[in-house]
N, C-alpha and C. Protein backbone atom coordinates (compact mmCIF):
# COMPACT_ATOMS: atom_id res chain seq x y z
N UNK A 1 52.82 24.65 32.87
CA UNK A 1 51.83 25.08 31.91
C UNK A 1 50.79 26.02 32.52
N UNK A 2 50.23 25.72 33.72
CA UNK A 2 49.25 26.65 34.29
C UNK A 2 49.82 28.07 34.49
N UNK A 3 51.09 28.17 34.93
CA UNK A 3 51.67 29.50 35.13
C UNK A 3 51.88 30.23 33.81
N UNK A 4 52.24 29.52 32.75
CA UNK A 4 52.36 30.14 31.43
C UNK A 4 51.00 30.67 30.97
N UNK A 5 49.96 29.89 31.20
CA UNK A 5 48.61 30.31 30.81
C UNK A 5 48.15 31.52 31.62
N UNK A 6 48.51 31.56 32.91
CA UNK A 6 48.18 32.73 33.72
C UNK A 6 48.88 33.97 33.17
N UNK A 7 50.12 33.83 32.75
CA UNK A 7 50.86 34.97 32.18
C UNK A 7 50.19 35.45 30.89
N UNK A 8 49.73 34.50 30.06
CA UNK A 8 49.02 34.88 28.84
C UNK A 8 47.72 35.61 29.17
N UNK A 9 47.00 35.11 30.15
CA UNK A 9 45.73 35.74 30.55
C UNK A 9 45.99 37.16 31.06
N UNK A 10 47.04 37.34 31.83
CA UNK A 10 47.38 38.69 32.32
C UNK A 10 47.67 39.63 31.16
N UNK A 11 48.31 39.12 30.12
CA UNK A 11 48.58 39.95 28.94
C UNK A 11 47.28 40.41 28.28
N UNK A 12 46.30 39.51 28.23
CA UNK A 12 45.00 39.90 27.67
C UNK A 12 44.42 41.06 28.47
N UNK A 13 44.41 40.94 29.80
CA UNK A 13 43.85 42.01 30.63
C UNK A 13 44.71 43.27 30.55
N UNK A 14 46.01 43.15 30.74
CA UNK A 14 46.89 44.32 30.81
C UNK A 14 47.05 45.03 29.47
N UNK A 15 47.33 44.27 28.42
CA UNK A 15 47.67 44.89 27.15
C UNK A 15 46.49 45.09 26.21
N UNK A 16 45.59 44.10 26.15
CA UNK A 16 44.45 44.21 25.22
C UNK A 16 43.35 45.05 25.84
N UNK A 17 42.85 44.65 27.00
CA UNK A 17 41.69 45.34 27.59
C UNK A 17 42.10 46.68 28.20
N UNK A 18 43.04 46.66 29.14
CA UNK A 18 43.42 47.91 29.80
C UNK A 18 44.27 48.81 28.91
N UNK A 19 45.09 48.22 28.06
CA UNK A 19 45.96 49.01 27.19
C UNK A 19 45.37 49.37 25.84
N UNK A 20 44.27 48.71 25.48
CA UNK A 20 43.60 49.02 24.22
C UNK A 20 44.28 48.47 22.98
N UNK A 21 45.20 47.52 23.13
CA UNK A 21 45.93 46.97 21.99
C UNK A 21 45.17 45.77 21.41
N UNK A 22 44.10 46.07 20.68
CA UNK A 22 43.23 45.03 20.11
C UNK A 22 43.97 44.18 19.09
N UNK A 23 44.96 44.74 18.41
CA UNK A 23 45.74 44.01 17.40
C UNK A 23 46.45 42.80 18.02
N UNK A 24 46.81 42.90 19.28
CA UNK A 24 47.51 41.82 19.98
C UNK A 24 46.66 40.55 20.08
N UNK A 25 45.35 40.68 19.90
CA UNK A 25 44.47 39.51 19.97
C UNK A 25 44.92 38.43 18.98
N UNK A 26 45.39 38.84 17.79
CA UNK A 26 45.84 37.85 16.80
C UNK A 26 47.00 37.01 17.32
N UNK A 27 47.83 37.57 18.19
CA UNK A 27 48.98 36.84 18.74
C UNK A 27 48.57 35.93 19.90
N UNK A 28 47.60 36.35 20.69
CA UNK A 28 47.25 35.66 21.92
C UNK A 28 46.07 34.70 21.81
N UNK A 29 45.30 34.82 20.73
CA UNK A 29 44.06 34.06 20.58
C UNK A 29 44.11 33.25 19.29
N UNK A 30 43.74 31.98 19.38
CA UNK A 30 43.77 31.08 18.21
C UNK A 30 42.75 31.52 17.16
N UNK A 31 43.07 31.25 15.91
CA UNK A 31 42.18 31.62 14.80
C UNK A 31 40.82 30.94 14.92
N UNK A 32 40.79 29.74 15.47
CA UNK A 32 39.53 29.00 15.61
C UNK A 32 38.93 29.12 17.02
N UNK A 33 39.24 30.22 17.69
CA UNK A 33 38.76 30.53 19.04
C UNK A 33 37.24 30.38 19.12
N UNK A 34 36.76 29.79 20.21
CA UNK A 34 35.32 29.62 20.44
C UNK A 34 34.91 30.53 21.59
N UNK A 35 33.94 31.40 21.33
CA UNK A 35 33.41 32.33 22.33
C UNK A 35 32.03 31.84 22.77
N UNK A 36 31.89 31.52 24.06
CA UNK A 36 30.61 31.05 24.58
C UNK A 36 29.78 32.18 25.17
N UNK A 37 30.32 33.39 25.19
CA UNK A 37 29.62 34.57 25.73
C UNK A 37 29.52 35.61 24.61
N UNK A 38 28.99 35.18 23.47
CA UNK A 38 28.93 36.08 22.31
C UNK A 38 28.05 37.30 22.59
N UNK A 39 28.48 38.42 22.03
CA UNK A 39 27.75 39.68 22.18
C UNK A 39 26.83 39.85 20.98
N UNK A 40 25.55 40.17 21.20
CA UNK A 40 24.61 40.29 20.07
C UNK A 40 25.09 41.29 19.02
N UNK A 41 24.96 40.90 17.76
CA UNK A 41 25.31 41.78 16.66
C UNK A 41 26.76 41.76 16.24
N UNK A 42 27.60 41.02 16.96
CA UNK A 42 29.02 40.94 16.61
C UNK A 42 29.33 39.56 16.04
N UNK A 43 30.40 39.49 15.27
CA UNK A 43 30.86 38.21 14.73
C UNK A 43 31.22 37.28 15.89
N UNK A 44 31.32 36.03 15.61
CA UNK A 44 31.75 35.07 16.62
C UNK A 44 33.26 34.94 16.61
N UNK A 45 33.79 34.14 17.50
CA UNK A 45 35.21 33.80 17.52
C UNK A 45 36.15 34.98 17.76
N UNK A 46 37.35 34.84 17.21
CA UNK A 46 38.41 35.83 17.43
C UNK A 46 38.02 37.20 16.87
N UNK A 47 37.38 37.22 15.70
CA UNK A 47 36.97 38.50 15.12
C UNK A 47 35.93 39.20 16.00
N UNK A 48 35.02 38.43 16.56
CA UNK A 48 34.04 39.00 17.47
C UNK A 48 34.69 39.58 18.72
N UNK A 49 35.73 38.91 19.20
CA UNK A 49 36.46 39.40 20.37
C UNK A 49 37.10 40.76 20.05
N UNK A 50 37.71 40.87 18.86
CA UNK A 50 38.30 42.14 18.44
C UNK A 50 37.24 43.23 18.35
N UNK A 51 36.11 42.89 17.73
CA UNK A 51 35.01 43.86 17.59
C UNK A 51 34.50 44.30 18.96
N UNK A 52 34.35 43.34 19.87
CA UNK A 52 33.83 43.65 21.20
C UNK A 52 34.73 44.64 21.93
N UNK A 53 36.03 44.35 21.98
CA UNK A 53 36.91 45.23 22.74
C UNK A 53 37.13 46.57 22.05
N UNK A 54 37.07 46.63 20.73
CA UNK A 54 37.12 47.91 20.03
C UNK A 54 35.87 48.73 20.37
N UNK A 55 34.70 48.09 20.37
CA UNK A 55 33.44 48.76 20.72
C UNK A 55 33.49 49.27 22.17
N UNK A 56 33.93 48.42 23.08
CA UNK A 56 34.00 48.81 24.49
C UNK A 56 34.98 49.97 24.69
N UNK A 57 36.10 49.94 24.02
CA UNK A 57 37.10 51.00 24.15
C UNK A 57 36.55 52.32 23.59
N UNK A 58 35.73 52.26 22.53
CA UNK A 58 35.12 53.47 21.97
C UNK A 58 34.08 54.03 22.94
N UNK A 59 33.26 53.17 23.50
CA UNK A 59 32.21 53.61 24.43
C UNK A 59 32.78 54.02 25.78
N UNK A 60 33.83 53.33 26.21
CA UNK A 60 34.42 53.55 27.54
C UNK A 60 35.94 53.67 27.36
N UNK A 61 36.44 54.84 26.97
CA UNK A 61 37.88 54.98 26.69
C UNK A 61 38.79 54.63 27.87
N UNK A 62 38.26 54.74 29.08
CA UNK A 62 39.05 54.41 30.28
C UNK A 62 38.74 53.00 30.80
N UNK A 63 38.21 52.14 29.94
CA UNK A 63 37.84 50.77 30.33
C UNK A 63 39.00 50.09 31.05
N UNK A 64 38.69 49.47 32.18
CA UNK A 64 39.67 48.73 32.96
C UNK A 64 39.05 47.45 33.48
N UNK A 65 39.86 46.40 33.50
CA UNK A 65 39.48 45.17 34.18
C UNK A 65 40.59 44.85 35.17
N UNK A 66 40.28 45.02 36.44
CA UNK A 66 41.22 44.71 37.50
C UNK A 66 41.06 43.24 37.87
N UNK A 67 42.16 42.53 37.90
CA UNK A 67 42.14 41.10 38.24
C UNK A 67 42.14 40.98 39.77
N UNK A 68 41.05 40.43 40.30
CA UNK A 68 40.92 40.23 41.74
C UNK A 68 41.46 38.86 42.16
N UNK A 69 41.23 37.84 41.33
CA UNK A 69 41.75 36.49 41.56
C UNK A 69 42.08 35.88 40.21
N UNK A 70 43.14 35.10 40.18
CA UNK A 70 43.54 34.39 38.96
C UNK A 70 43.98 32.99 39.37
N UNK A 71 43.24 31.99 38.90
CA UNK A 71 43.46 30.61 39.32
C UNK A 71 43.65 29.74 38.08
N UNK A 72 44.70 28.94 38.06
CA UNK A 72 44.98 28.08 36.91
C UNK A 72 45.00 26.62 37.32
N UNK A 73 44.44 25.81 36.44
CA UNK A 73 44.43 24.36 36.64
C UNK A 73 44.47 23.72 35.26
N UNK A 74 45.46 22.88 35.02
CA UNK A 74 45.63 22.22 33.72
C UNK A 74 45.63 23.24 32.59
N UNK A 75 44.67 23.14 31.68
CA UNK A 75 44.67 24.03 30.51
C UNK A 75 43.71 25.22 30.65
N UNK A 76 43.14 25.43 31.84
CA UNK A 76 42.18 26.52 32.04
C UNK A 76 42.67 27.52 33.08
N UNK A 77 42.29 28.78 32.85
CA UNK A 77 42.54 29.84 33.82
C UNK A 77 41.21 30.52 34.12
N UNK A 78 40.95 30.73 35.41
CA UNK A 78 39.73 31.41 35.85
C UNK A 78 40.14 32.73 36.47
N UNK A 79 39.44 33.79 36.05
CA UNK A 79 39.71 35.12 36.62
C UNK A 79 38.42 35.70 37.17
N UNK A 80 38.53 36.24 38.37
CA UNK A 80 37.46 37.06 38.95
C UNK A 80 37.95 38.49 38.83
N UNK A 81 37.17 39.32 38.15
CA UNK A 81 37.63 40.67 37.85
C UNK A 81 36.59 41.71 38.25
N UNK A 82 37.05 42.96 38.29
CA UNK A 82 36.18 44.11 38.44
C UNK A 82 36.37 44.97 37.21
N UNK A 83 35.29 45.15 36.45
CA UNK A 83 35.34 45.95 35.22
C UNK A 83 34.75 47.32 35.51
N UNK A 84 35.40 48.37 35.00
CA UNK A 84 34.92 49.73 35.23
C UNK A 84 35.21 50.60 34.02
N UNK A 85 34.49 51.70 33.94
CA UNK A 85 34.72 52.65 32.86
C UNK A 85 33.74 53.80 32.94
N UNK A 86 33.98 54.80 32.09
CA UNK A 86 33.13 55.99 32.01
C UNK A 86 32.52 56.04 30.62
N UNK A 87 31.22 56.20 30.55
CA UNK A 87 30.46 56.17 29.29
C UNK A 87 30.70 57.47 28.50
N UNK A 88 31.65 57.43 27.56
CA UNK A 88 32.04 58.62 26.78
C UNK A 88 31.67 58.50 25.30
N UNK A 89 31.23 57.32 24.85
CA UNK A 89 30.87 57.12 23.45
C UNK A 89 29.60 56.29 23.35
N UNK A 90 29.03 56.23 22.17
CA UNK A 90 27.80 55.47 21.95
C UNK A 90 28.00 54.01 22.36
N UNK A 91 26.99 53.47 23.04
CA UNK A 91 27.04 52.08 23.47
C UNK A 91 25.65 51.47 23.37
N UNK A 92 25.50 50.48 22.50
CA UNK A 92 24.23 49.77 22.33
C UNK A 92 23.07 50.74 22.09
N UNK A 93 23.31 51.76 21.27
CA UNK A 93 22.28 52.73 20.94
C UNK A 93 22.11 53.84 21.96
N UNK A 94 22.88 53.80 23.04
CA UNK A 94 22.77 54.84 24.08
C UNK A 94 23.81 55.92 23.83
N UNK A 95 23.36 57.17 23.84
CA UNK A 95 24.28 58.29 23.73
C UNK A 95 25.15 58.34 24.98
N UNK A 96 26.36 58.91 24.86
CA UNK A 96 27.25 59.00 26.02
C UNK A 96 26.57 59.74 27.18
N UNK A 97 26.69 59.19 28.36
CA UNK A 97 26.05 59.78 29.54
C UNK A 97 27.05 60.41 30.50
N UNK A 98 28.32 60.06 30.36
CA UNK A 98 29.32 60.52 31.32
C UNK A 98 29.29 59.74 32.62
N UNK A 99 28.36 58.78 32.73
CA UNK A 99 28.25 58.00 33.97
C UNK A 99 29.31 56.91 34.01
N UNK A 100 29.69 56.56 35.23
CA UNK A 100 30.66 55.50 35.43
C UNK A 100 29.96 54.22 35.85
N UNK A 101 30.61 53.10 35.55
CA UNK A 101 30.10 51.81 36.03
C UNK A 101 31.25 51.03 36.64
N UNK A 102 30.87 50.10 37.49
CA UNK A 102 31.83 49.20 38.15
C UNK A 102 31.08 47.91 38.45
N UNK A 103 31.46 46.81 37.78
CA UNK A 103 30.76 45.54 37.94
C UNK A 103 31.75 44.38 38.05
N UNK A 104 31.24 43.28 38.55
CA UNK A 104 32.03 42.06 38.66
C UNK A 104 31.89 41.21 37.41
N UNK A 105 32.93 40.45 37.12
CA UNK A 105 32.91 39.53 35.99
C UNK A 105 33.76 38.31 36.33
N UNK A 106 33.43 37.20 35.69
CA UNK A 106 34.19 35.96 35.80
C UNK A 106 34.52 35.50 34.38
N UNK A 107 35.76 35.14 34.14
CA UNK A 107 36.19 34.61 32.85
C UNK A 107 36.86 33.26 33.07
N UNK A 108 36.56 32.31 32.19
CA UNK A 108 37.26 31.03 32.15
C UNK A 108 37.78 30.89 30.73
N UNK A 109 39.09 30.74 30.61
CA UNK A 109 39.70 30.60 29.29
C UNK A 109 40.50 29.30 29.25
N UNK A 110 40.28 28.56 28.17
CA UNK A 110 41.05 27.34 27.93
C UNK A 110 42.15 27.68 26.94
N UNK A 111 43.36 27.20 27.22
CA UNK A 111 44.52 27.47 26.40
C UNK A 111 45.04 26.19 25.76
N UNK A 112 45.60 26.32 24.57
CA UNK A 112 46.29 25.22 23.89
C UNK A 112 47.38 25.82 23.03
N UNK A 113 48.56 25.23 23.07
CA UNK A 113 49.69 25.67 22.25
C UNK A 113 49.99 27.16 22.41
N UNK A 114 49.87 27.66 23.64
CA UNK A 114 50.24 29.05 23.92
C UNK A 114 49.24 30.09 23.47
N UNK A 115 47.99 29.68 23.18
CA UNK A 115 46.97 30.63 22.76
C UNK A 115 45.64 30.31 23.44
N UNK A 116 44.82 31.34 23.61
CA UNK A 116 43.47 31.14 24.10
C UNK A 116 42.66 30.48 23.00
N UNK A 117 41.94 29.40 23.35
CA UNK A 117 41.16 28.68 22.34
C UNK A 117 39.66 28.66 22.64
N UNK A 118 39.29 28.97 23.89
CA UNK A 118 37.89 28.91 24.25
C UNK A 118 37.64 29.80 25.46
N UNK A 119 36.47 30.49 25.49
CA UNK A 119 36.13 31.39 26.59
C UNK A 119 34.69 31.20 27.03
N UNK A 120 34.51 31.15 28.34
CA UNK A 120 33.20 31.21 28.97
C UNK A 120 33.25 32.40 29.91
N UNK A 121 32.19 33.14 30.02
CA UNK A 121 32.23 34.30 30.91
C UNK A 121 30.87 34.66 31.46
N UNK A 122 30.90 35.44 32.51
CA UNK A 122 29.69 35.95 33.13
C UNK A 122 30.01 37.34 33.67
N UNK A 123 29.27 38.33 33.16
CA UNK A 123 29.44 39.72 33.57
C UNK A 123 28.11 40.21 34.11
N UNK A 124 28.15 41.02 35.14
CA UNK A 124 26.93 41.56 35.73
C UNK A 124 26.42 42.70 34.85
N UNK A 125 25.87 42.33 33.69
CA UNK A 125 25.39 43.30 32.71
C UNK A 125 24.22 44.12 33.24
N UNK A 126 23.35 43.51 34.05
CA UNK A 126 22.21 44.24 34.60
C UNK A 126 22.69 45.39 35.48
N UNK A 127 23.67 45.12 36.33
CA UNK A 127 24.21 46.19 37.18
C UNK A 127 24.87 47.28 36.34
N UNK A 128 25.56 46.88 35.29
CA UNK A 128 26.19 47.85 34.40
C UNK A 128 25.14 48.77 33.78
N UNK A 129 24.07 48.18 33.24
CA UNK A 129 23.02 48.97 32.59
C UNK A 129 22.29 49.86 33.60
N UNK A 130 22.10 49.38 34.82
CA UNK A 130 21.52 50.23 35.88
C UNK A 130 22.41 51.43 36.15
N UNK A 131 23.70 51.18 36.31
CA UNK A 131 24.63 52.25 36.64
C UNK A 131 24.75 53.28 35.51
N UNK A 132 24.55 52.84 34.27
CA UNK A 132 24.59 53.74 33.13
C UNK A 132 23.26 54.46 32.92
N UNK A 133 22.23 54.06 33.67
CA UNK A 133 20.92 54.69 33.56
C UNK A 133 20.06 54.15 32.44
N UNK A 134 20.45 53.02 31.86
CA UNK A 134 19.69 52.44 30.74
C UNK A 134 18.45 51.68 31.22
N UNK A 135 18.50 51.17 32.43
CA UNK A 135 17.35 50.49 33.02
C UNK A 135 17.20 50.99 34.46
N UNK A 136 15.98 50.94 35.00
CA UNK A 136 15.80 51.40 36.37
C UNK A 136 16.51 50.50 37.36
N UNK A 137 16.96 51.09 38.44
CA UNK A 137 17.62 50.32 39.50
C UNK A 137 16.62 49.35 40.11
N UNK A 138 17.10 48.21 40.51
CA UNK A 138 16.24 47.19 41.15
C UNK A 138 15.56 47.80 42.37
N UNK A 139 14.27 47.54 42.50
CA UNK A 139 13.53 48.01 43.65
C UNK A 139 13.01 49.43 43.52
N UNK A 140 13.24 50.08 42.35
CA UNK A 140 12.74 51.46 42.21
C UNK A 140 11.51 51.51 41.34
């Protein structure tokens, strides 16, 4: 079961996030999915996940999440990733800057019956906003 869940998690990164196939979320994520890292202004659950990745793909057409570590235990998979992209579209009220970002993220996903049912995550949003020029760099 842990290896099956790791394969499902890789599909989310490879096909949904890196490949931009947001429609695949309906196949890989349960209808009653619980998101513990909700993005302000977006719906919750599976619909919010679709909205989030569509928004990110519009703002950062080259969005990538490289999997640095993938660890599975029982019904959970933990991924340490590096997220990167180039700001080419509007993002959170910011006009495209052409700037690139590269930040670390951690995702924990619980699986049941071959689908993601719950997500906890932590992304270095402050570093992302600094790199995009939205906030001053620390110490400046």
